[in-house]
Amino acid sequence: MVAIDEERGDIQEATWRVIDVRDPLLANRISDIDVLVHLAGDYAVDSDPGERRAYNLRAAQTVLTASAAARVRRVVLVTSAMVYGAAPENDVPLPEDAAVAAEPDTGVVGDYLEIEALVRRALRSHPGLEVTVLRPAAVVGPGVDTVITRHFESPRLLTVKGCSPRWQFCHLDDLLSALVLAARGLVKGVLAVGSDGWLEQEKVEELSGLRRFELPAGLTFGTAQRLHRLGITPAPATDLHYVVYPWVVDCAGLREAGWKPAWTNEAALEQLLELRENRTTVVGRRLPVKEATLTAAGATVAVIGTAAIVHQVRKKRRL
């Protein structure tokens, strides 16, 4: 096994080749590789959006181009089931061949959409290159920090009036086992990865001990977008869609290959809750410990509600 990174890692079984995956010389370092699994990316919630996207797209583009030049037989990439989009009218579950309907934006979802566009172009330009794309549901596990995991660090669970989310998770262990199948060529194409079925909002509240609060959709997304423009929240308002609307996927391709998730949605949620480590997050932004004590009684409601009131006051003054 060959591992490629900018610095040597601690996996003793791997042969390490130290190089930035964005380096055009990458092709020279992978000429003896048959299958390449690309996992180098920056998907941190708090990363600068422009720098993050530049890194992710350059990395994916270089890996695909270098793999074709080096005659690598198969490349495996990971994006997200978020590319299907989260919407109140979504089928539950969504089939793997459902339309990619996510909104392009400055967030991580926009990066995934751009990377999948690069894959489609690479397949047209290099017909001999085989590319498999895995689209996991909400990923859970040690070290995972996303808009979804931060949602469960909030004092309350945000919901939109008239719509109840369904929750599906993908534990890192199950993503890894799916990657092994893809690397071996036992599954191909575009495949969704996740635990079987889904959890209703009521079950999530029961398991987490967190209560919901409901707001109208217009107020929720409009205010969240204003807060994002002001730099108060790290992610665009469209990311909130993924915590209030369903985007459950049917992992038919993997099931047909004999794959079974080791983690249930209930078990994955339980670990997610255990990994919160007493963090407190308000509308996507983690608060320092000294501030967190001020938020225990539903600060998310206060932040969104206050911003909405300020907006209304300003509007009335203009009139």
C-alpha atoms as a PDB file:
ATOM      1  CA  MET A   1       0.000   0.000   0.000  1.00  0.00           C
ATOM      2  CA  VAL A   2       1.280   3.447  -0.968  1.00  0.00           C
ATOM      3  CA  ALA A   3       0.233   6.557   0.959  1.00  0.00           C
ATOM      4  CA  ILE A   4       0.681  10.063  -0.448  1.00  0.00           C
ATOM      5  CA  ASP A   5       0.697  13.221   1.655  1.00  0.00           C
ATOM      6  CA  GLU A   6       2.645  16.418   2.207  1.00  0.00           C
ATOM      7  CA  GLU A   7       4.323  14.801   5.204  1.00  0.00           C
ATOM      8  CA  ARG A   8       4.883  11.259   6.374  1.00  0.00           C
ATOM      9  CA  GLY A   9       2.079   9.785   8.471  1.00  0.00           C
ATOM     10  CA  ASP A  10       2.108   7.232  11.289  1.00  0.00           C
ATOM     11  CA  ILE A  11       0.793   4.190   9.371  1.00  0.00           C
ATOM     12  CA  GLN A  12       3.780   1.869   9.433  1.00  0.00           C
ATOM     13  CA  GLU A  13       2.350  -0.592   6.901  1.00  0.00           C
ATOM     14  CA  ALA A  14       2.259   2.045   4.163  1.00  0.00           C
ATOM     15  CA  THR A  15       5.024   3.119   1.830  1.00  0.00           C
ATOM     16  CA  TRP A  16       4.986   6.893   2.126  1.00  0.00           C
ATOM     17  CA  ARG A  17       5.589   9.214  -0.801  1.00  0.00           C
ATOM     18  CA  VAL A  18       5.787  12.802   0.351  1.00  0.00           C
ATOM     19  CA  ILE A  19       4.275  15.175  -2.203  1.00  0.00           C
ATOM     20  CA  ASP A  20       1.433  17.689  -2.370  1.00  0.00           C
ATOM     21  CA  VAL A  21      -1.393  16.088  -4.365  1.00  0.00           C
ATOM     22  CA  ARG A  22      -1.781  19.409  -6.205  1.00  0.00           C
ATOM     23  CA  ASP A  23       1.756  19.128  -7.587  1.00  0.00           C
ATOM     24  CA  PRO A  24       1.796  18.463 -11.372  1.00  0.00           C
ATOM     25  CA  LEU A  25       4.672  16.044 -10.731  1.00  0.00           C
ATOM     26  CA  LEU A  26       2.212  13.720  -8.993  1.00  0.00           C
ATOM     27  CA  ALA A  27       1.963  11.628 -12.174  1.00  0.00           C
ATOM     28  CA  ASN A  28       5.606  10.631 -11.789  1.00  0.00           C
ATOM     29  CA  ARG A  29       4.981   9.373  -8.251  1.00  0.00           C
ATOM     30  CA  ILE A  30       1.975   7.167  -9.081  1.00  0.00           C
ATOM     31  CA  SER A  31       3.151   5.499 -12.297  1.00  0.00           C
ATOM     32  CA  ASP A  32       3.299   2.103 -10.543  1.00  0.00           C
ATOM     33  CA  ILE A  33      -0.122   2.429  -8.876  1.00  0.00           C
ATOM     34  CA  ASP A  34      -3.147   0.515 -10.143  1.00  0.00           C
ATOM     35  CA  VAL A  35      -5.885   2.040  -7.947  1.00  0.00           C
ATOM     36  CA  LEU A  36      -5.886   5.482  -6.320  1.00  0.00           C
ATOM     37  CA  VAL A  37      -8.278   6.480  -3.516  1.00  0.00           C
ATOM     38  CA  HIS A  38      -8.413  10.271  -3.251  1.00  0.00           C
ATOM     39  CA  LEU A  39      -9.252  11.542   0.240  1.00  0.00           C
ATOM     40  CA  ALA A  40      -7.129  14.696   0.423  1.00  0.00           C
ATOM     41  CA  GLY A  41      -9.444  17.643   0.917  1.00  0.00           C
ATOM     42  CA  ASP A  42     -10.324  20.544   3.166  1.00  0.00           C
ATOM     43  CA  TYR A  43     -13.944  20.357   4.300  1.00  0.00           C
ATOM     44  CA  ALA A  44     -13.637  22.211   7.600  1.00  0.00           C
ATOM     45  CA  VAL A  45     -16.675  24.312   8.463  1.00  0.00           C
ATOM     46  CA  ASP A  46     -14.530  27.274   9.498  1.00  0.00           C
ATOM     47  CA  SER A  47     -12.128  27.303   6.528  1.00  0.00           C
ATOM     48  CA  ASP A  48     -11.953  30.357   4.301  1.00  0.00           C
ATOM     49  CA  PRO A  49     -14.418  29.489   1.493  1.00  0.00           C
ATOM     50  CA  GLY A  50     -12.216  30.730  -1.349  1.00  0.00           C
ATOM     51  CA  GLU A  51      -9.056  29.020  -0.114  1.00  0.00           C
ATOM     52  CA  ARG A  52     -10.932  25.816   0.670  1.00  0.00           C
ATOM     53  CA  ARG A  53     -12.512  25.590  -2.763  1.00  0.00           C
ATOM     54  CA  ALA A  54      -9.254  26.410  -4.543  1.00  0.00           C
ATOM     55  CA  TYR A  55      -7.513  23.620  -2.644  1.00  0.00           C
ATOM     56  CA  ASN A  56     -10.248  21.023  -3.157  1.00  0.00           C
ATOM     57  CA  LEU A  57     -10.690  21.642  -6.864  1.00  0.00           C
ATOM     58  CA  ARG A  58      -6.970  21.816  -7.596  1.00  0.00           C
ATOM     59  CA  ALA A  59      -6.407  18.586  -5.667  1.00  0.00           C
ATOM     60  CA  ALA A  60      -9.198  16.702  -7.454  1.00  0.00           C
ATOM     61  CA  GLN A  61      -8.209  18.057 -10.867  1.00  0.00           C
ATOM     62  CA  THR A  62      -4.543  17.140 -10.397  1.00  0.00           C
ATOM     63  CA  VAL A  63      -5.370  13.648  -9.117  1.00  0.00           C
ATOM     64  CA  LEU A  64      -7.639  12.912 -12.083  1.00  0.00           C
ATOM     65  CA  THR A  65      -5.247  14.327 -14.679  1.00  0.00           C
ATOM     66  CA  ALA A  66      -2.187  12.669 -13.133  1.00  0.00           C
ATOM     67  CA  SER A  67      -3.999   9.340 -12.860  1.00  0.00           C
ATOM     68  CA  ALA A  68      -4.898   9.423 -16.543  1.00  0.00           C
ATOM     69  CA  ALA A  69      -1.338  10.369 -17.502  1.00  0.00           C
ATOM     70  CA  ALA A  70       0.143   7.630 -15.295  1.00  0.00           C
ATOM     71  CA  ARG A  71      -2.348   5.055 -16.611  1.00  0.00           C
ATOM     72  CA  VAL A  72      -3.866   4.434 -13.198  1.00  0.00           C
ATOM     73  CA  ARG A  73      -6.723   2.035 -13.843  1.00  0.00           C
ATOM     74  CA  ARG A  74      -9.192   3.203 -11.222  1.00  0.00           C
ATOM     75  CA  VAL A  75      -9.732   6.317  -9.105  1.00  0.00           C
ATOM     76  CA  VAL A  76     -12.137   6.430  -6.140  1.00  0.00           C
ATOM     77  CA  LEU A  77     -13.368   9.762  -4.759  1.00  0.00           C
ATOM     78  CA  VAL A  78     -15.682  10.706  -1.898  1.00  0.00           C
ATOM     79  CA  THR A  79     -18.179  13.577  -2.198  1.00  0.00           C
ATOM     80  CA  SER A  80     -21.502  13.588  -0.317  1.00  0.00           C
ATOM     81  CA  ALA A  81     -25.162  12.673  -0.666  1.00  0.00           C
ATOM     82  CA  MET A  82     -25.678  16.396  -0.060  1.00  0.00           C
ATOM     83  CA  VAL A  83     -25.334  16.862  -3.830  1.00  0.00           C
ATOM     84  CA  TYR A  84     -28.896  15.539  -4.192  1.00  0.00           C
ATOM     85  CA  GLY A  85     -30.082  18.560  -2.257  1.00  0.00           C
ATOM     86  CA  ALA A  86     -32.328  18.645   0.809  1.00  0.00           C
ATOM     87  CA  ALA A  87     -35.920  19.625   0.126  1.00  0.00           C
ATOM     88  CA  PRO A  88     -39.334  19.084   1.734  1.00  0.00           C
ATOM     89  CA  GLU A  89     -40.595  17.312  -1.404  1.00  0.00           C
ATOM     90  CA  ASN A  90     -37.706  14.830  -1.621  1.00  0.00           C
ATOM     91  CA  ASP A  91     -38.547  11.148  -1.891  1.00  0.00           C
ATOM     92  CA  VAL A  92     -37.572   9.179   1.221  1.00  0.00           C
ATOM     93  CA  PRO A  93     -35.306   7.523   0.357  1.00  0.00           C
ATOM     94  CA  LEU A  94     -33.820   9.095  -2.773  1.00  0.00           C
ATOM     95  CA  PRO A  95     -32.659   6.596  -5.417  1.00  0.00           C
ATOM     96  CA  GLU A  96     -28.978   6.755  -6.381  1.00  0.00           C
ATOM     97  CA  ASP A  97     -29.878   7.968  -9.870  1.00  0.00           C
ATOM     98  CA  ALA A  98     -31.945  10.877  -8.537  1.00  0.00           C
ATOM     99  CA  ALA A  99     -31.122  14.281  -9.988  1.00  0.00           C
ATOM    100  CA  VAL A 100     -28.287  16.277  -8.487  1.00  0.00           C
ATOM    101  CA  ALA A 101     -30.381  19.189  -7.243  1.00  0.00           C
ATOM    102  CA  ALA A 102     -28.259  20.904  -4.583  1.00  0.00           C
ATOM    103  CA  GLU A 103     -27.839  24.658  -4.891  1.00  0.00           C
ATOM    104  CA  PRO A 104     -24.330  25.777  -5.922  1.00  0.00           C
ATOM    105  CA  ASP A 105     -23.011  28.037  -3.182  1.00  0.00           C
ATOM    106  CA  THR A 106     -19.847  29.041  -1.365  1.00  0.00           C
ATOM    107  CA  GLY A 107     -20.173  26.203   1.136  1.00  0.00           C
ATOM    108  CA  VAL A 108     -18.815  22.679   1.154  1.00  0.00           C
ATOM    109  CA  VAL A 109     -21.752  21.433  -0.929  1.00  0.00           C
ATOM    110  CA  GLY A 110     -20.639  23.741  -3.724  1.00  0.00           C
ATOM    111  CA  ASP A 111     -17.193  22.116  -3.564  1.00  0.00           C
ATOM    112  CA  TYR A 112     -18.738  18.658  -3.940  1.00  0.00           C
ATOM    113  CA  LEU A 113     -20.745  19.787  -6.958  1.00  0.00           C
ATOM    114  CA  GLU A 114     -17.641  21.215  -8.620  1.00  0.00           C
ATOM    115  CA  ILE A 115     -15.623  18.066  -7.924  1.00  0.00           C
ATOM    116  CA  GLU A 116     -18.304  15.867  -9.476  1.00  0.00           C
ATOM    117  CA  ALA A 117     -18.306  18.159 -12.514  1.00  0.00           C
ATOM    118  CA  LEU A 118     -14.541  17.587 -12.775  1.00  0.00           C
ATOM    119  CA  VAL A 119     -15.164  13.826 -12.669  1.00  0.00           C
ATOM    120  CA  ARG A 120     -17.652  14.021 -15.549  1.00  0.00           C
ATOM    121  CA  ARG A 121     -15.203  16.039 -17.628  1.00  0.00           C
ATOM    122  CA  ALA A 122     -12.371  13.622 -16.826  1.00  0.00           C
ATOM    123  CA  LEU A 123     -14.458  10.647 -17.957  1.00  0.00           C
ATOM    124  CA  ARG A 124     -15.124  12.357 -21.284  1.00  0.00           C
ATOM    125  CA  SER A 125     -11.489  13.385 -21.750  1.00  0.00           C
ATOM    126  CA  HIS A 126      -9.961  10.092 -20.555  1.00  0.00           C
ATOM    127  CA  PRO A 127     -12.309   7.245 -21.555  1.00  0.00           C
ATOM    128  CA  GLY A 128      -9.832   4.635 -20.314  1.00  0.00           C
ATOM    129  CA  LEU A 129      -9.978   5.964 -16.749  1.00  0.00           C
ATOM    130  CA  GLU A 130     -12.460   4.344 -14.383  1.00  0.00           C
ATOM    131  CA  VAL A 131     -13.782   6.653 -11.648  1.00  0.00           C
ATOM    132  CA  THR A 132     -16.038   5.607  -8.759  1.00  0.00           C
ATOM    133  CA  VAL A 133     -17.723   8.265  -6.621  1.00  0.00           C
ATOM    134  CA  LEU A 134     -19.065   7.521  -3.148  1.00  0.00           C
ATOM    135  CA  ARG A 135     -21.753   9.818  -1.750  1.00  0.00           C
ATOM    136  CA  PRO A 136     -22.084   9.239   2.013  1.00  0.00           C
ATOM    137  CA  ALA A 137     -25.000  10.420   4.128  1.00  0.00           C
ATOM    138  CA  ALA A 138     -24.203  12.598   7.156  1.00  0.00           C
ATOM    139  CA  VAL A 139     -20.796  11.309   8.231  1.00  0.00           C
ATOM    140  CA  VAL A 140     -20.247  10.466  11.897  1.00  0.00           C
ATOM    141  CA  GLY A 141     -17.135   9.378  13.751  1.00  0.00           C
ATOM    142  CA  PRO A 142     -14.070  10.590  15.653  1.00  0.00           C
ATOM    143  CA  GLY A 143     -12.691  13.816  14.243  1.00  0.00           C
ATOM    144  CA  VAL A 144     -15.730  14.582  12.082  1.00  0.00           C
ATOM    145  CA  ASP A 145     -16.803  18.235  12.265  1.00  0.00           C
ATOM    146  CA  THR A 146     -19.576  19.298   9.897  1.00  0.00           C
ATOM    147  CA  VAL A 147     -22.702  21.418   9.783  1.00  0.00           C
ATOM    148  CA  ILE A 148     -24.618  18.254  10.704  1.00  0.00           C
ATOM    149  CA  THR A 149     -22.513  17.294  13.728  1.00  0.00           C
ATOM    150  CA  ARG A 150     -22.554  20.895  14.969  1.00  0.00           C
ATOM    151  CA  HIS A 151     -26.346  20.864  14.766  1.00  0.00           C
ATOM    152  CA  PHE A 152     -26.323  18.397  17.666  1.00  0.00           C
ATOM    153  CA  GLU A 153     -24.075  20.687  19.716  1.00  0.00           C
ATOM    154  CA  SER A 154     -26.835  23.301  19.791  1.00  0.00           C
ATOM    155  CA  PRO A 155     -29.082  23.879  22.808  1.00  0.00           C
ATOM    156  CA  ARG A 156     -32.145  23.112  20.670  1.00  0.00           C
ATOM    157  CA  LEU A 157     -32.772  21.317  17.361  1.00  0.00           C
ATOM    158  CA  LEU A 158     -33.931  23.741  14.713  1.00  0.00           C
ATOM    159  CA  THR A 159     -36.965  22.693  12.659  1.00  0.00           C
ATOM    160  CA  VAL A 160     -39.025  24.460  10.030  1.00  0.00           C
ATOM    161  CA  LYS A 161     -42.779  24.713  10.468  1.00  0.00           C
ATOM    162  CA  GLY A 162     -44.682  22.274   8.308  1.00  0.00           C
ATOM    163  CA  CYS A 163     -41.762  19.915   7.645  1.00  0.00           C
ATOM    164  CA  SER A 164     -40.031  17.253   9.708  1.00  0.00           C
ATOM    165  CA  PRO A 165     -36.522  16.086   8.777  1.00  0.00           C
ATOM    166  CA  ARG A 166     -35.521  12.446   8.507  1.00  0.00           C
ATOM    167  CA  TRP A 167     -32.075  11.552   9.719  1.00  0.00           C
ATOM    168  CA  GLN A 168     -29.633   9.150   8.106  1.00  0.00           C
ATOM    169  CA  PHE A 169     -25.995   8.777   9.104  1.00  0.00           C
ATOM    170  CA  CYS A 170     -22.887   7.160   7.679  1.00  0.00           C
ATOM    171  CA  HIS A 171     -20.269   6.038  10.171  1.00  0.00           C
ATOM    172  CA  LEU A 172     -16.625   6.282   9.144  1.00  0.00           C
ATOM    173  CA  ASP A 173     -16.291   2.505   9.547  1.00  0.00           C
ATOM    174  CA  ASP A 174     -19.018   1.917   6.962  1.00  0.00           C
ATOM    175  CA  LEU A 175     -17.554   4.495   4.595  1.00  0.00           C
ATOM    176  CA  LEU A 176     -14.211   2.690   4.867  1.00  0.00           C
ATOM    177  CA  SER A 177     -15.739  -0.710   4.064  1.00  0.00           C
ATOM    178  CA  ALA A 178     -17.474   0.830   1.029  1.00  0.00           C
ATOM    179  CA  LEU A 179     -14.151   2.354  -0.078  1.00  0.00           C
ATOM    180  CA  VAL A 180     -12.546  -1.092   0.065  1.00  0.00           C
ATOM    181  CA  LEU A 181     -15.223  -2.525  -2.242  1.00  0.00           C
ATOM    182  CA  ALA A 182     -14.799   0.399  -4.636  1.00  0.00           C
ATOM    183  CA  ALA A 183     -11.000   0.108  -4.638  1.00  0.00           C
ATOM    184  CA  ARG A 184     -11.292  -3.578  -5.487  1.00  0.00           C
ATOM    185  CA  GLY A 185     -13.627  -2.801  -8.359  1.00  0.00           C
ATOM    186  CA  LEU A 186     -16.524  -4.742  -6.830  1.00  0.00           C
ATOM    187  CA  VAL A 187     -18.754  -1.665  -7.139  1.00  0.00           C
ATOM    188  CA  LYS A 188     -18.526   1.037  -9.779  1.00  0.00           C
ATOM    189  CA  GLY A 189     -20.107   4.319 -10.814  1.00  0.00           C
ATOM    190  CA  VAL A 190     -21.861   6.623  -8.366  1.00  0.00           C
ATOM    191  CA  LEU A 191     -22.901   5.017  -5.099  1.00  0.00           C
ATOM    192  CA  ALA A 192     -24.655   6.254  -1.959  1.00  0.00           C
ATOM    193  CA  VAL A 193     -23.379   5.108   1.451  1.00  0.00           C
ATOM    194  CA  GLY A 194     -25.290   5.162   4.711  1.00  0.00           C
ATOM    195  CA  SER A 195     -26.970   3.242   7.492  1.00  0.00           C
ATOM    196  CA  ASP A 196     -30.160   1.366   6.676  1.00  0.00           C
ATOM    197  CA  GLY A 197     -33.349   3.404   6.836  1.00  0.00           C
ATOM    198  CA  TRP A 198     -33.706   6.652   8.753  1.00  0.00           C
ATOM    199  CA  LEU A 199     -34.788   8.205  12.035  1.00  0.00           C
ATOM    200  CA  GLU A 200     -37.827  10.430  12.409  1.00  0.00           C
ATOM    201  CA  GLN A 201     -37.352  13.752  14.201  1.00  0.00           C
ATOM    202  CA  GLU A 202     -39.307  12.528  17.239  1.00  0.00           C
ATOM    203  CA  LYS A 203     -36.945   9.571  17.633  1.00  0.00           C
ATOM    204  CA  VAL A 204     -33.895  11.820  17.337  1.00  0.00           C
ATOM    205  CA  GLU A 205     -35.275  14.071  20.068  1.00  0.00           C
ATOM    206  CA  GLU A 206     -35.970  11.054  22.271  1.00  0.00           C
ATOM    207  CA  LEU A 207     -32.450   9.642  21.819  1.00  0.00           C
ATOM    208  CA  SER A 208     -30.647  12.962  22.152  1.00  0.00           C
ATOM    209  CA  GLY A 209     -32.691  14.507  24.911  1.00  0.00           C
ATOM    210  CA  LEU A 210     -32.721  17.722  22.883  1.00  0.00           C
ATOM    211  CA  ARG A 211     -35.944  19.612  22.284  1.00  0.00           C
ATOM    212  CA  ARG A 212     -36.880  21.242  19.020  1.00  0.00           C
ATOM    213  CA  PHE A 213     -37.898  24.788  18.245  1.00  0.00           C
ATOM    214  CA  GLU A 214     -39.823  25.682  15.119  1.00  0.00           C
ATOM    215  CA  LEU A 215     -39.548  28.775  12.940  1.00  0.00           C
ATOM    216  CA  PRO A 216     -41.085  29.714   9.588  1.00  0.00           C
ATOM    217  CA  ALA A 217     -38.868  28.798   6.629  1.00  0.00           C
ATOM    218  CA  GLY A 218     -38.634  32.369   5.336  1.00  0.00           C
ATOM    219  CA  LEU A 219     -37.504  33.742   8.675  1.00  0.00           C
ATOM    220  CA  THR A 220     -35.036  30.899   9.220  1.00  0.00           C
ATOM    221  CA  PHE A 221     -33.231  31.041   5.887  1.00  0.00           C
ATOM    222  CA  GLY A 222     -33.463  34.794   5.376  1.00  0.00           C
ATOM    223  CA  THR A 223     -31.988  35.537   8.779  1.00  0.00           C
ATOM    224  CA  ALA A 224     -29.333  32.848   8.456  1.00  0.00           C
ATOM    225  CA  GLN A 225     -28.194  34.343   5.167  1.00  0.00           C
ATOM    226  CA  ARG A 226     -27.907  37.812   6.703  1.00  0.00           C
ATOM    227  CA  LEU A 227     -25.892  36.418   9.591  1.00  0.00           C
ATOM    228  CA  HIS A 228     -23.595  34.669   7.113  1.00  0.00           C
ATOM    229  CA  ARG A 229     -23.053  37.880   5.142  1.00  0.00           C
ATOM    230  CA  LEU A 230     -22.091  39.603   8.393  1.00  0.00           C
ATOM    231  CA  GLY A 231     -19.560  36.872   9.131  1.00  0.00           C
ATOM    232  CA  ILE A 232     -21.422  35.703  12.235  1.00  0.00           C
ATOM    233  CA  THR A 233     -22.052  32.194  10.896  1.00  0.00           C
ATOM    234  CA  PRO A 234     -19.463  30.109   8.999  1.00  0.00           C
ATOM    235  CA  ALA A 235     -21.758  28.364   6.506  1.00  0.00           C
ATOM    236  CA  PRO A 236     -24.230  29.758   3.945  1.00  0.00           C
ATOM    237  CA  ALA A 237     -27.943  29.601   4.703  1.00  0.00           C
ATOM    238  CA  THR A 238     -28.426  26.793   2.184  1.00  0.00           C
ATOM    239  CA  ASP A 239     -26.496  24.483   4.532  1.00  0.00           C
ATOM    240  CA  LEU A 240     -29.414  24.769   6.961  1.00  0.00           C
ATOM    241  CA  HIS A 241     -31.521  22.845   4.443  1.00  0.00           C
ATOM    242  CA  TYR A 242     -29.621  19.701   5.450  1.00  0.00           C
ATOM    243  CA  VAL A 243     -30.762  19.870   9.072  1.00  0.00           C
ATOM    244  CA  VAL A 244     -34.417  20.709   8.435  1.00  0.00           C
ATOM    245  CA  TYR A 245     -35.303  18.860   5.195  1.00  0.00           C
ATOM    246  CA  PRO A 246     -34.831  15.189   4.244  1.00  0.00           C
ATOM    247  CA  TRP A 247     -31.984  13.879   2.063  1.00  0.00           C
ATOM    248  CA  VAL A 248     -32.070  10.173   2.908  1.00  0.00           C
ATOM    249  CA  VAL A 249     -30.485   7.914   0.269  1.00  0.00           C
ATOM    250  CA  ASP A 250     -31.081   4.342  -0.864  1.00  0.00           C
ATOM    251  CA  CYS A 251     -27.744   2.491  -0.978  1.00  0.00           C
ATOM    252  CA  ALA A 252     -28.944  -0.005  -3.588  1.00  0.00           C
ATOM    253  CA  GLY A 253     -25.644  -0.364  -5.457  1.00  0.00           C
ATOM    254  CA  LEU A 254     -23.700  -1.380  -2.372  1.00  0.00           C
ATOM    255  CA  ARG A 255     -26.460  -3.669  -1.114  1.00  0.00           C
ATOM    256  CA  GLU A 256     -26.512  -5.522  -4.433  1.00  0.00           C
ATOM    257  CA  ALA A 257     -22.769  -6.118  -4.032  1.00  0.00           C
ATOM    258  CA  GLY A 258     -23.391  -7.721  -0.625  1.00  0.00           C
ATOM    259  CA  TRP A 259     -22.341  -4.727   1.476  1.00  0.00           C
ATOM    260  CA  LYS A 260     -24.057  -4.169   4.821  1.00  0.00           C
ATOM    261  CA  PRO A 261     -23.509  -1.236   7.177  1.00  0.00           C
ATOM    262  CA  ALA A 262     -22.110  -2.210  10.552  1.00  0.00           C
ATOM    263  CA  TRP A 263     -23.660   0.846  12.218  1.00  0.00           C
ATOM    264  CA  THR A 264     -27.352   1.594  12.662  1.00  0.00           C
ATOM    265  CA  ASN A 265     -28.593   5.170  12.586  1.00  0.00           C
ATOM    266  CA  GLU A 266     -29.341   4.902  16.304  1.00  0.00           C
ATOM    267  CA  ALA A 267     -25.794   3.749  17.128  1.00  0.00           C
ATOM    268  CA  ALA A 268     -24.226   6.407  14.901  1.00  0.00           C
ATOM    269  CA  LEU A 269     -26.301   9.139  16.554  1.00  0.00           C
ATOM    270  CA  GLU A 270     -25.341   7.832  19.979  1.00  0.00           C
ATOM    271  CA  GLN A 271     -21.642   8.145  19.131  1.00  0.00           C
ATOM    272  CA  LEU A 272     -22.166  11.584  17.605  1.00  0.00           C
ATOM    273  CA  LEU A 273     -23.718  12.716  20.879  1.00  0.00           C
ATOM    274  CA  GLU A 274     -20.871  11.183  22.892  1.00  0.00           C
ATOM    275  CA  LEU A 275     -18.312  13.063  20.785  1.00  0.00           C
ATOM    276  CA  ARG A 276     -19.832  16.492  21.460  1.00  0.00           C
ATOM    277  CA  GLU A 277     -17.432  16.959  24.395  1.00  0.00           C
ATOM    278  CA  ASN A 278     -19.585  19.657  26.030  1.00  0.00           C
ATOM    279  CA  ARG A 279     -19.240  21.965  23.033  1.00  0.00           C
ATOM    280  CA  THR A 280     -21.945  24.558  22.434  1.00  0.00           C
ATOM    281  CA  THR A 281     -22.748  25.753  18.921  1.00  0.00           C
ATOM    282  CA  VAL A 282     -25.121  28.533  17.919  1.00  0.00           C
ATOM    283  CA  VAL A 283     -26.211  28.781  14.259  1.00  0.00           C
ATOM    284  CA  GLY A 284     -23.117  26.859  13.200  1.00  0.00           C
ATOM    285  CA  ARG A 285     -20.555  28.852  15.225  1.00  0.00           C
ATOM    286  CA  ARG A 286     -18.847  27.199  18.169  1.00  0.00           C
ATOM    287  CA  LEU A 287     -18.727  29.334  21.284  1.00  0.00           C
ATOM    288  CA  PRO A 288     -15.838  29.569  23.741  1.00  0.00           C
ATOM    289  CA  VAL A 289     -16.562  27.917  27.091  1.00  0.00           C
ATOM    290  CA  LYS A 290     -17.021  31.269  28.868  1.00  0.00           C
ATOM    291  CA  GLU A 291     -19.695  32.265  26.333  1.00  0.00           C
ATOM    292  CA  ALA A 292     -21.340  28.867  26.200  1.00  0.00           C
ATOM    293  CA  THR A 293     -22.770  29.225  29.700  1.00  0.00           C
ATOM    294  CA  LEU A 294     -24.890  32.109  28.448  1.00  0.00           C
ATOM    295  CA  THR A 295     -26.582  29.955  25.818  1.00  0.00           C
ATOM    296  CA  ALA A 296     -27.988  27.068  27.809  1.00  0.00           C
ATOM    297  CA  ALA A 297     -31.597  28.270  27.591  1.00  0.00           C
ATOM    298  CA  GLY A 298     -31.927  28.340  23.829  1.00  0.00           C
ATOM    299  CA  ALA A 299     -29.479  30.853  22.437  1.00  0.00           C
ATOM    300  CA  THR A 300     -30.133  29.755  18.893  1.00  0.00           C
ATOM    301  CA  VAL A 301     -33.654  31.095  19.159  1.00  0.00           C
ATOM    302  CA  ALA A 302     -32.313  34.331  20.590  1.00  0.00           C
ATOM    303  CA  VAL A 303     -29.685  34.822  17.885  1.00  0.00           C
ATOM    304  CA  ILE A 304     -32.025  34.175  14.973  1.00  0.00           C
ATOM    305  CA  GLY A 305     -34.924  35.991  16.595  1.00  0.00           C
ATOM    306  CA  THR A 306     -32.856  39.058  17.512  1.00  0.00           C
ATOM    307  CA  ALA A 307     -31.410  39.323  14.015  1.00  0.00           C
ATOM    308  CA  ALA A 308     -34.894  39.111  12.533  1.00  0.00           C
ATOM    309  CA  ILE A 309     -36.193  41.821  14.877  1.00  0.00           C
ATOM    310  CA  VAL A 310     -33.277  44.118  13.997  1.00  0.00           C
ATOM    311  CA  HIS A 311     -34.025  43.612  10.323  1.00  0.00           C
ATOM    312  CA  GLN A 312     -37.690  44.497  10.814  1.00  0.00           C
ATOM    313  CA  VAL A 313     -36.815  47.613  12.830  1.00  0.00           C
ATOM    314  CA  ARG A 314     -34.420  48.813  10.124  1.00  0.00           C
ATOM    315  CA  LYS A 315     -37.050  48.164   7.468  1.00  0.00           C
ATOM    316  CA  LYS A 316     -39.646  50.217   9.347  1.00  0.00           C
ATOM    317  CA  ARG A 317     -37.190  53.075   9.791  1.00  0.00           C
ATOM    318  CA  ARG A 318     -36.575  53.178   6.048  1.00  0.00           C
ATOM    319  CA  LEU A 319     -40.306  53.456   5.522  1.00  0.00           C
END
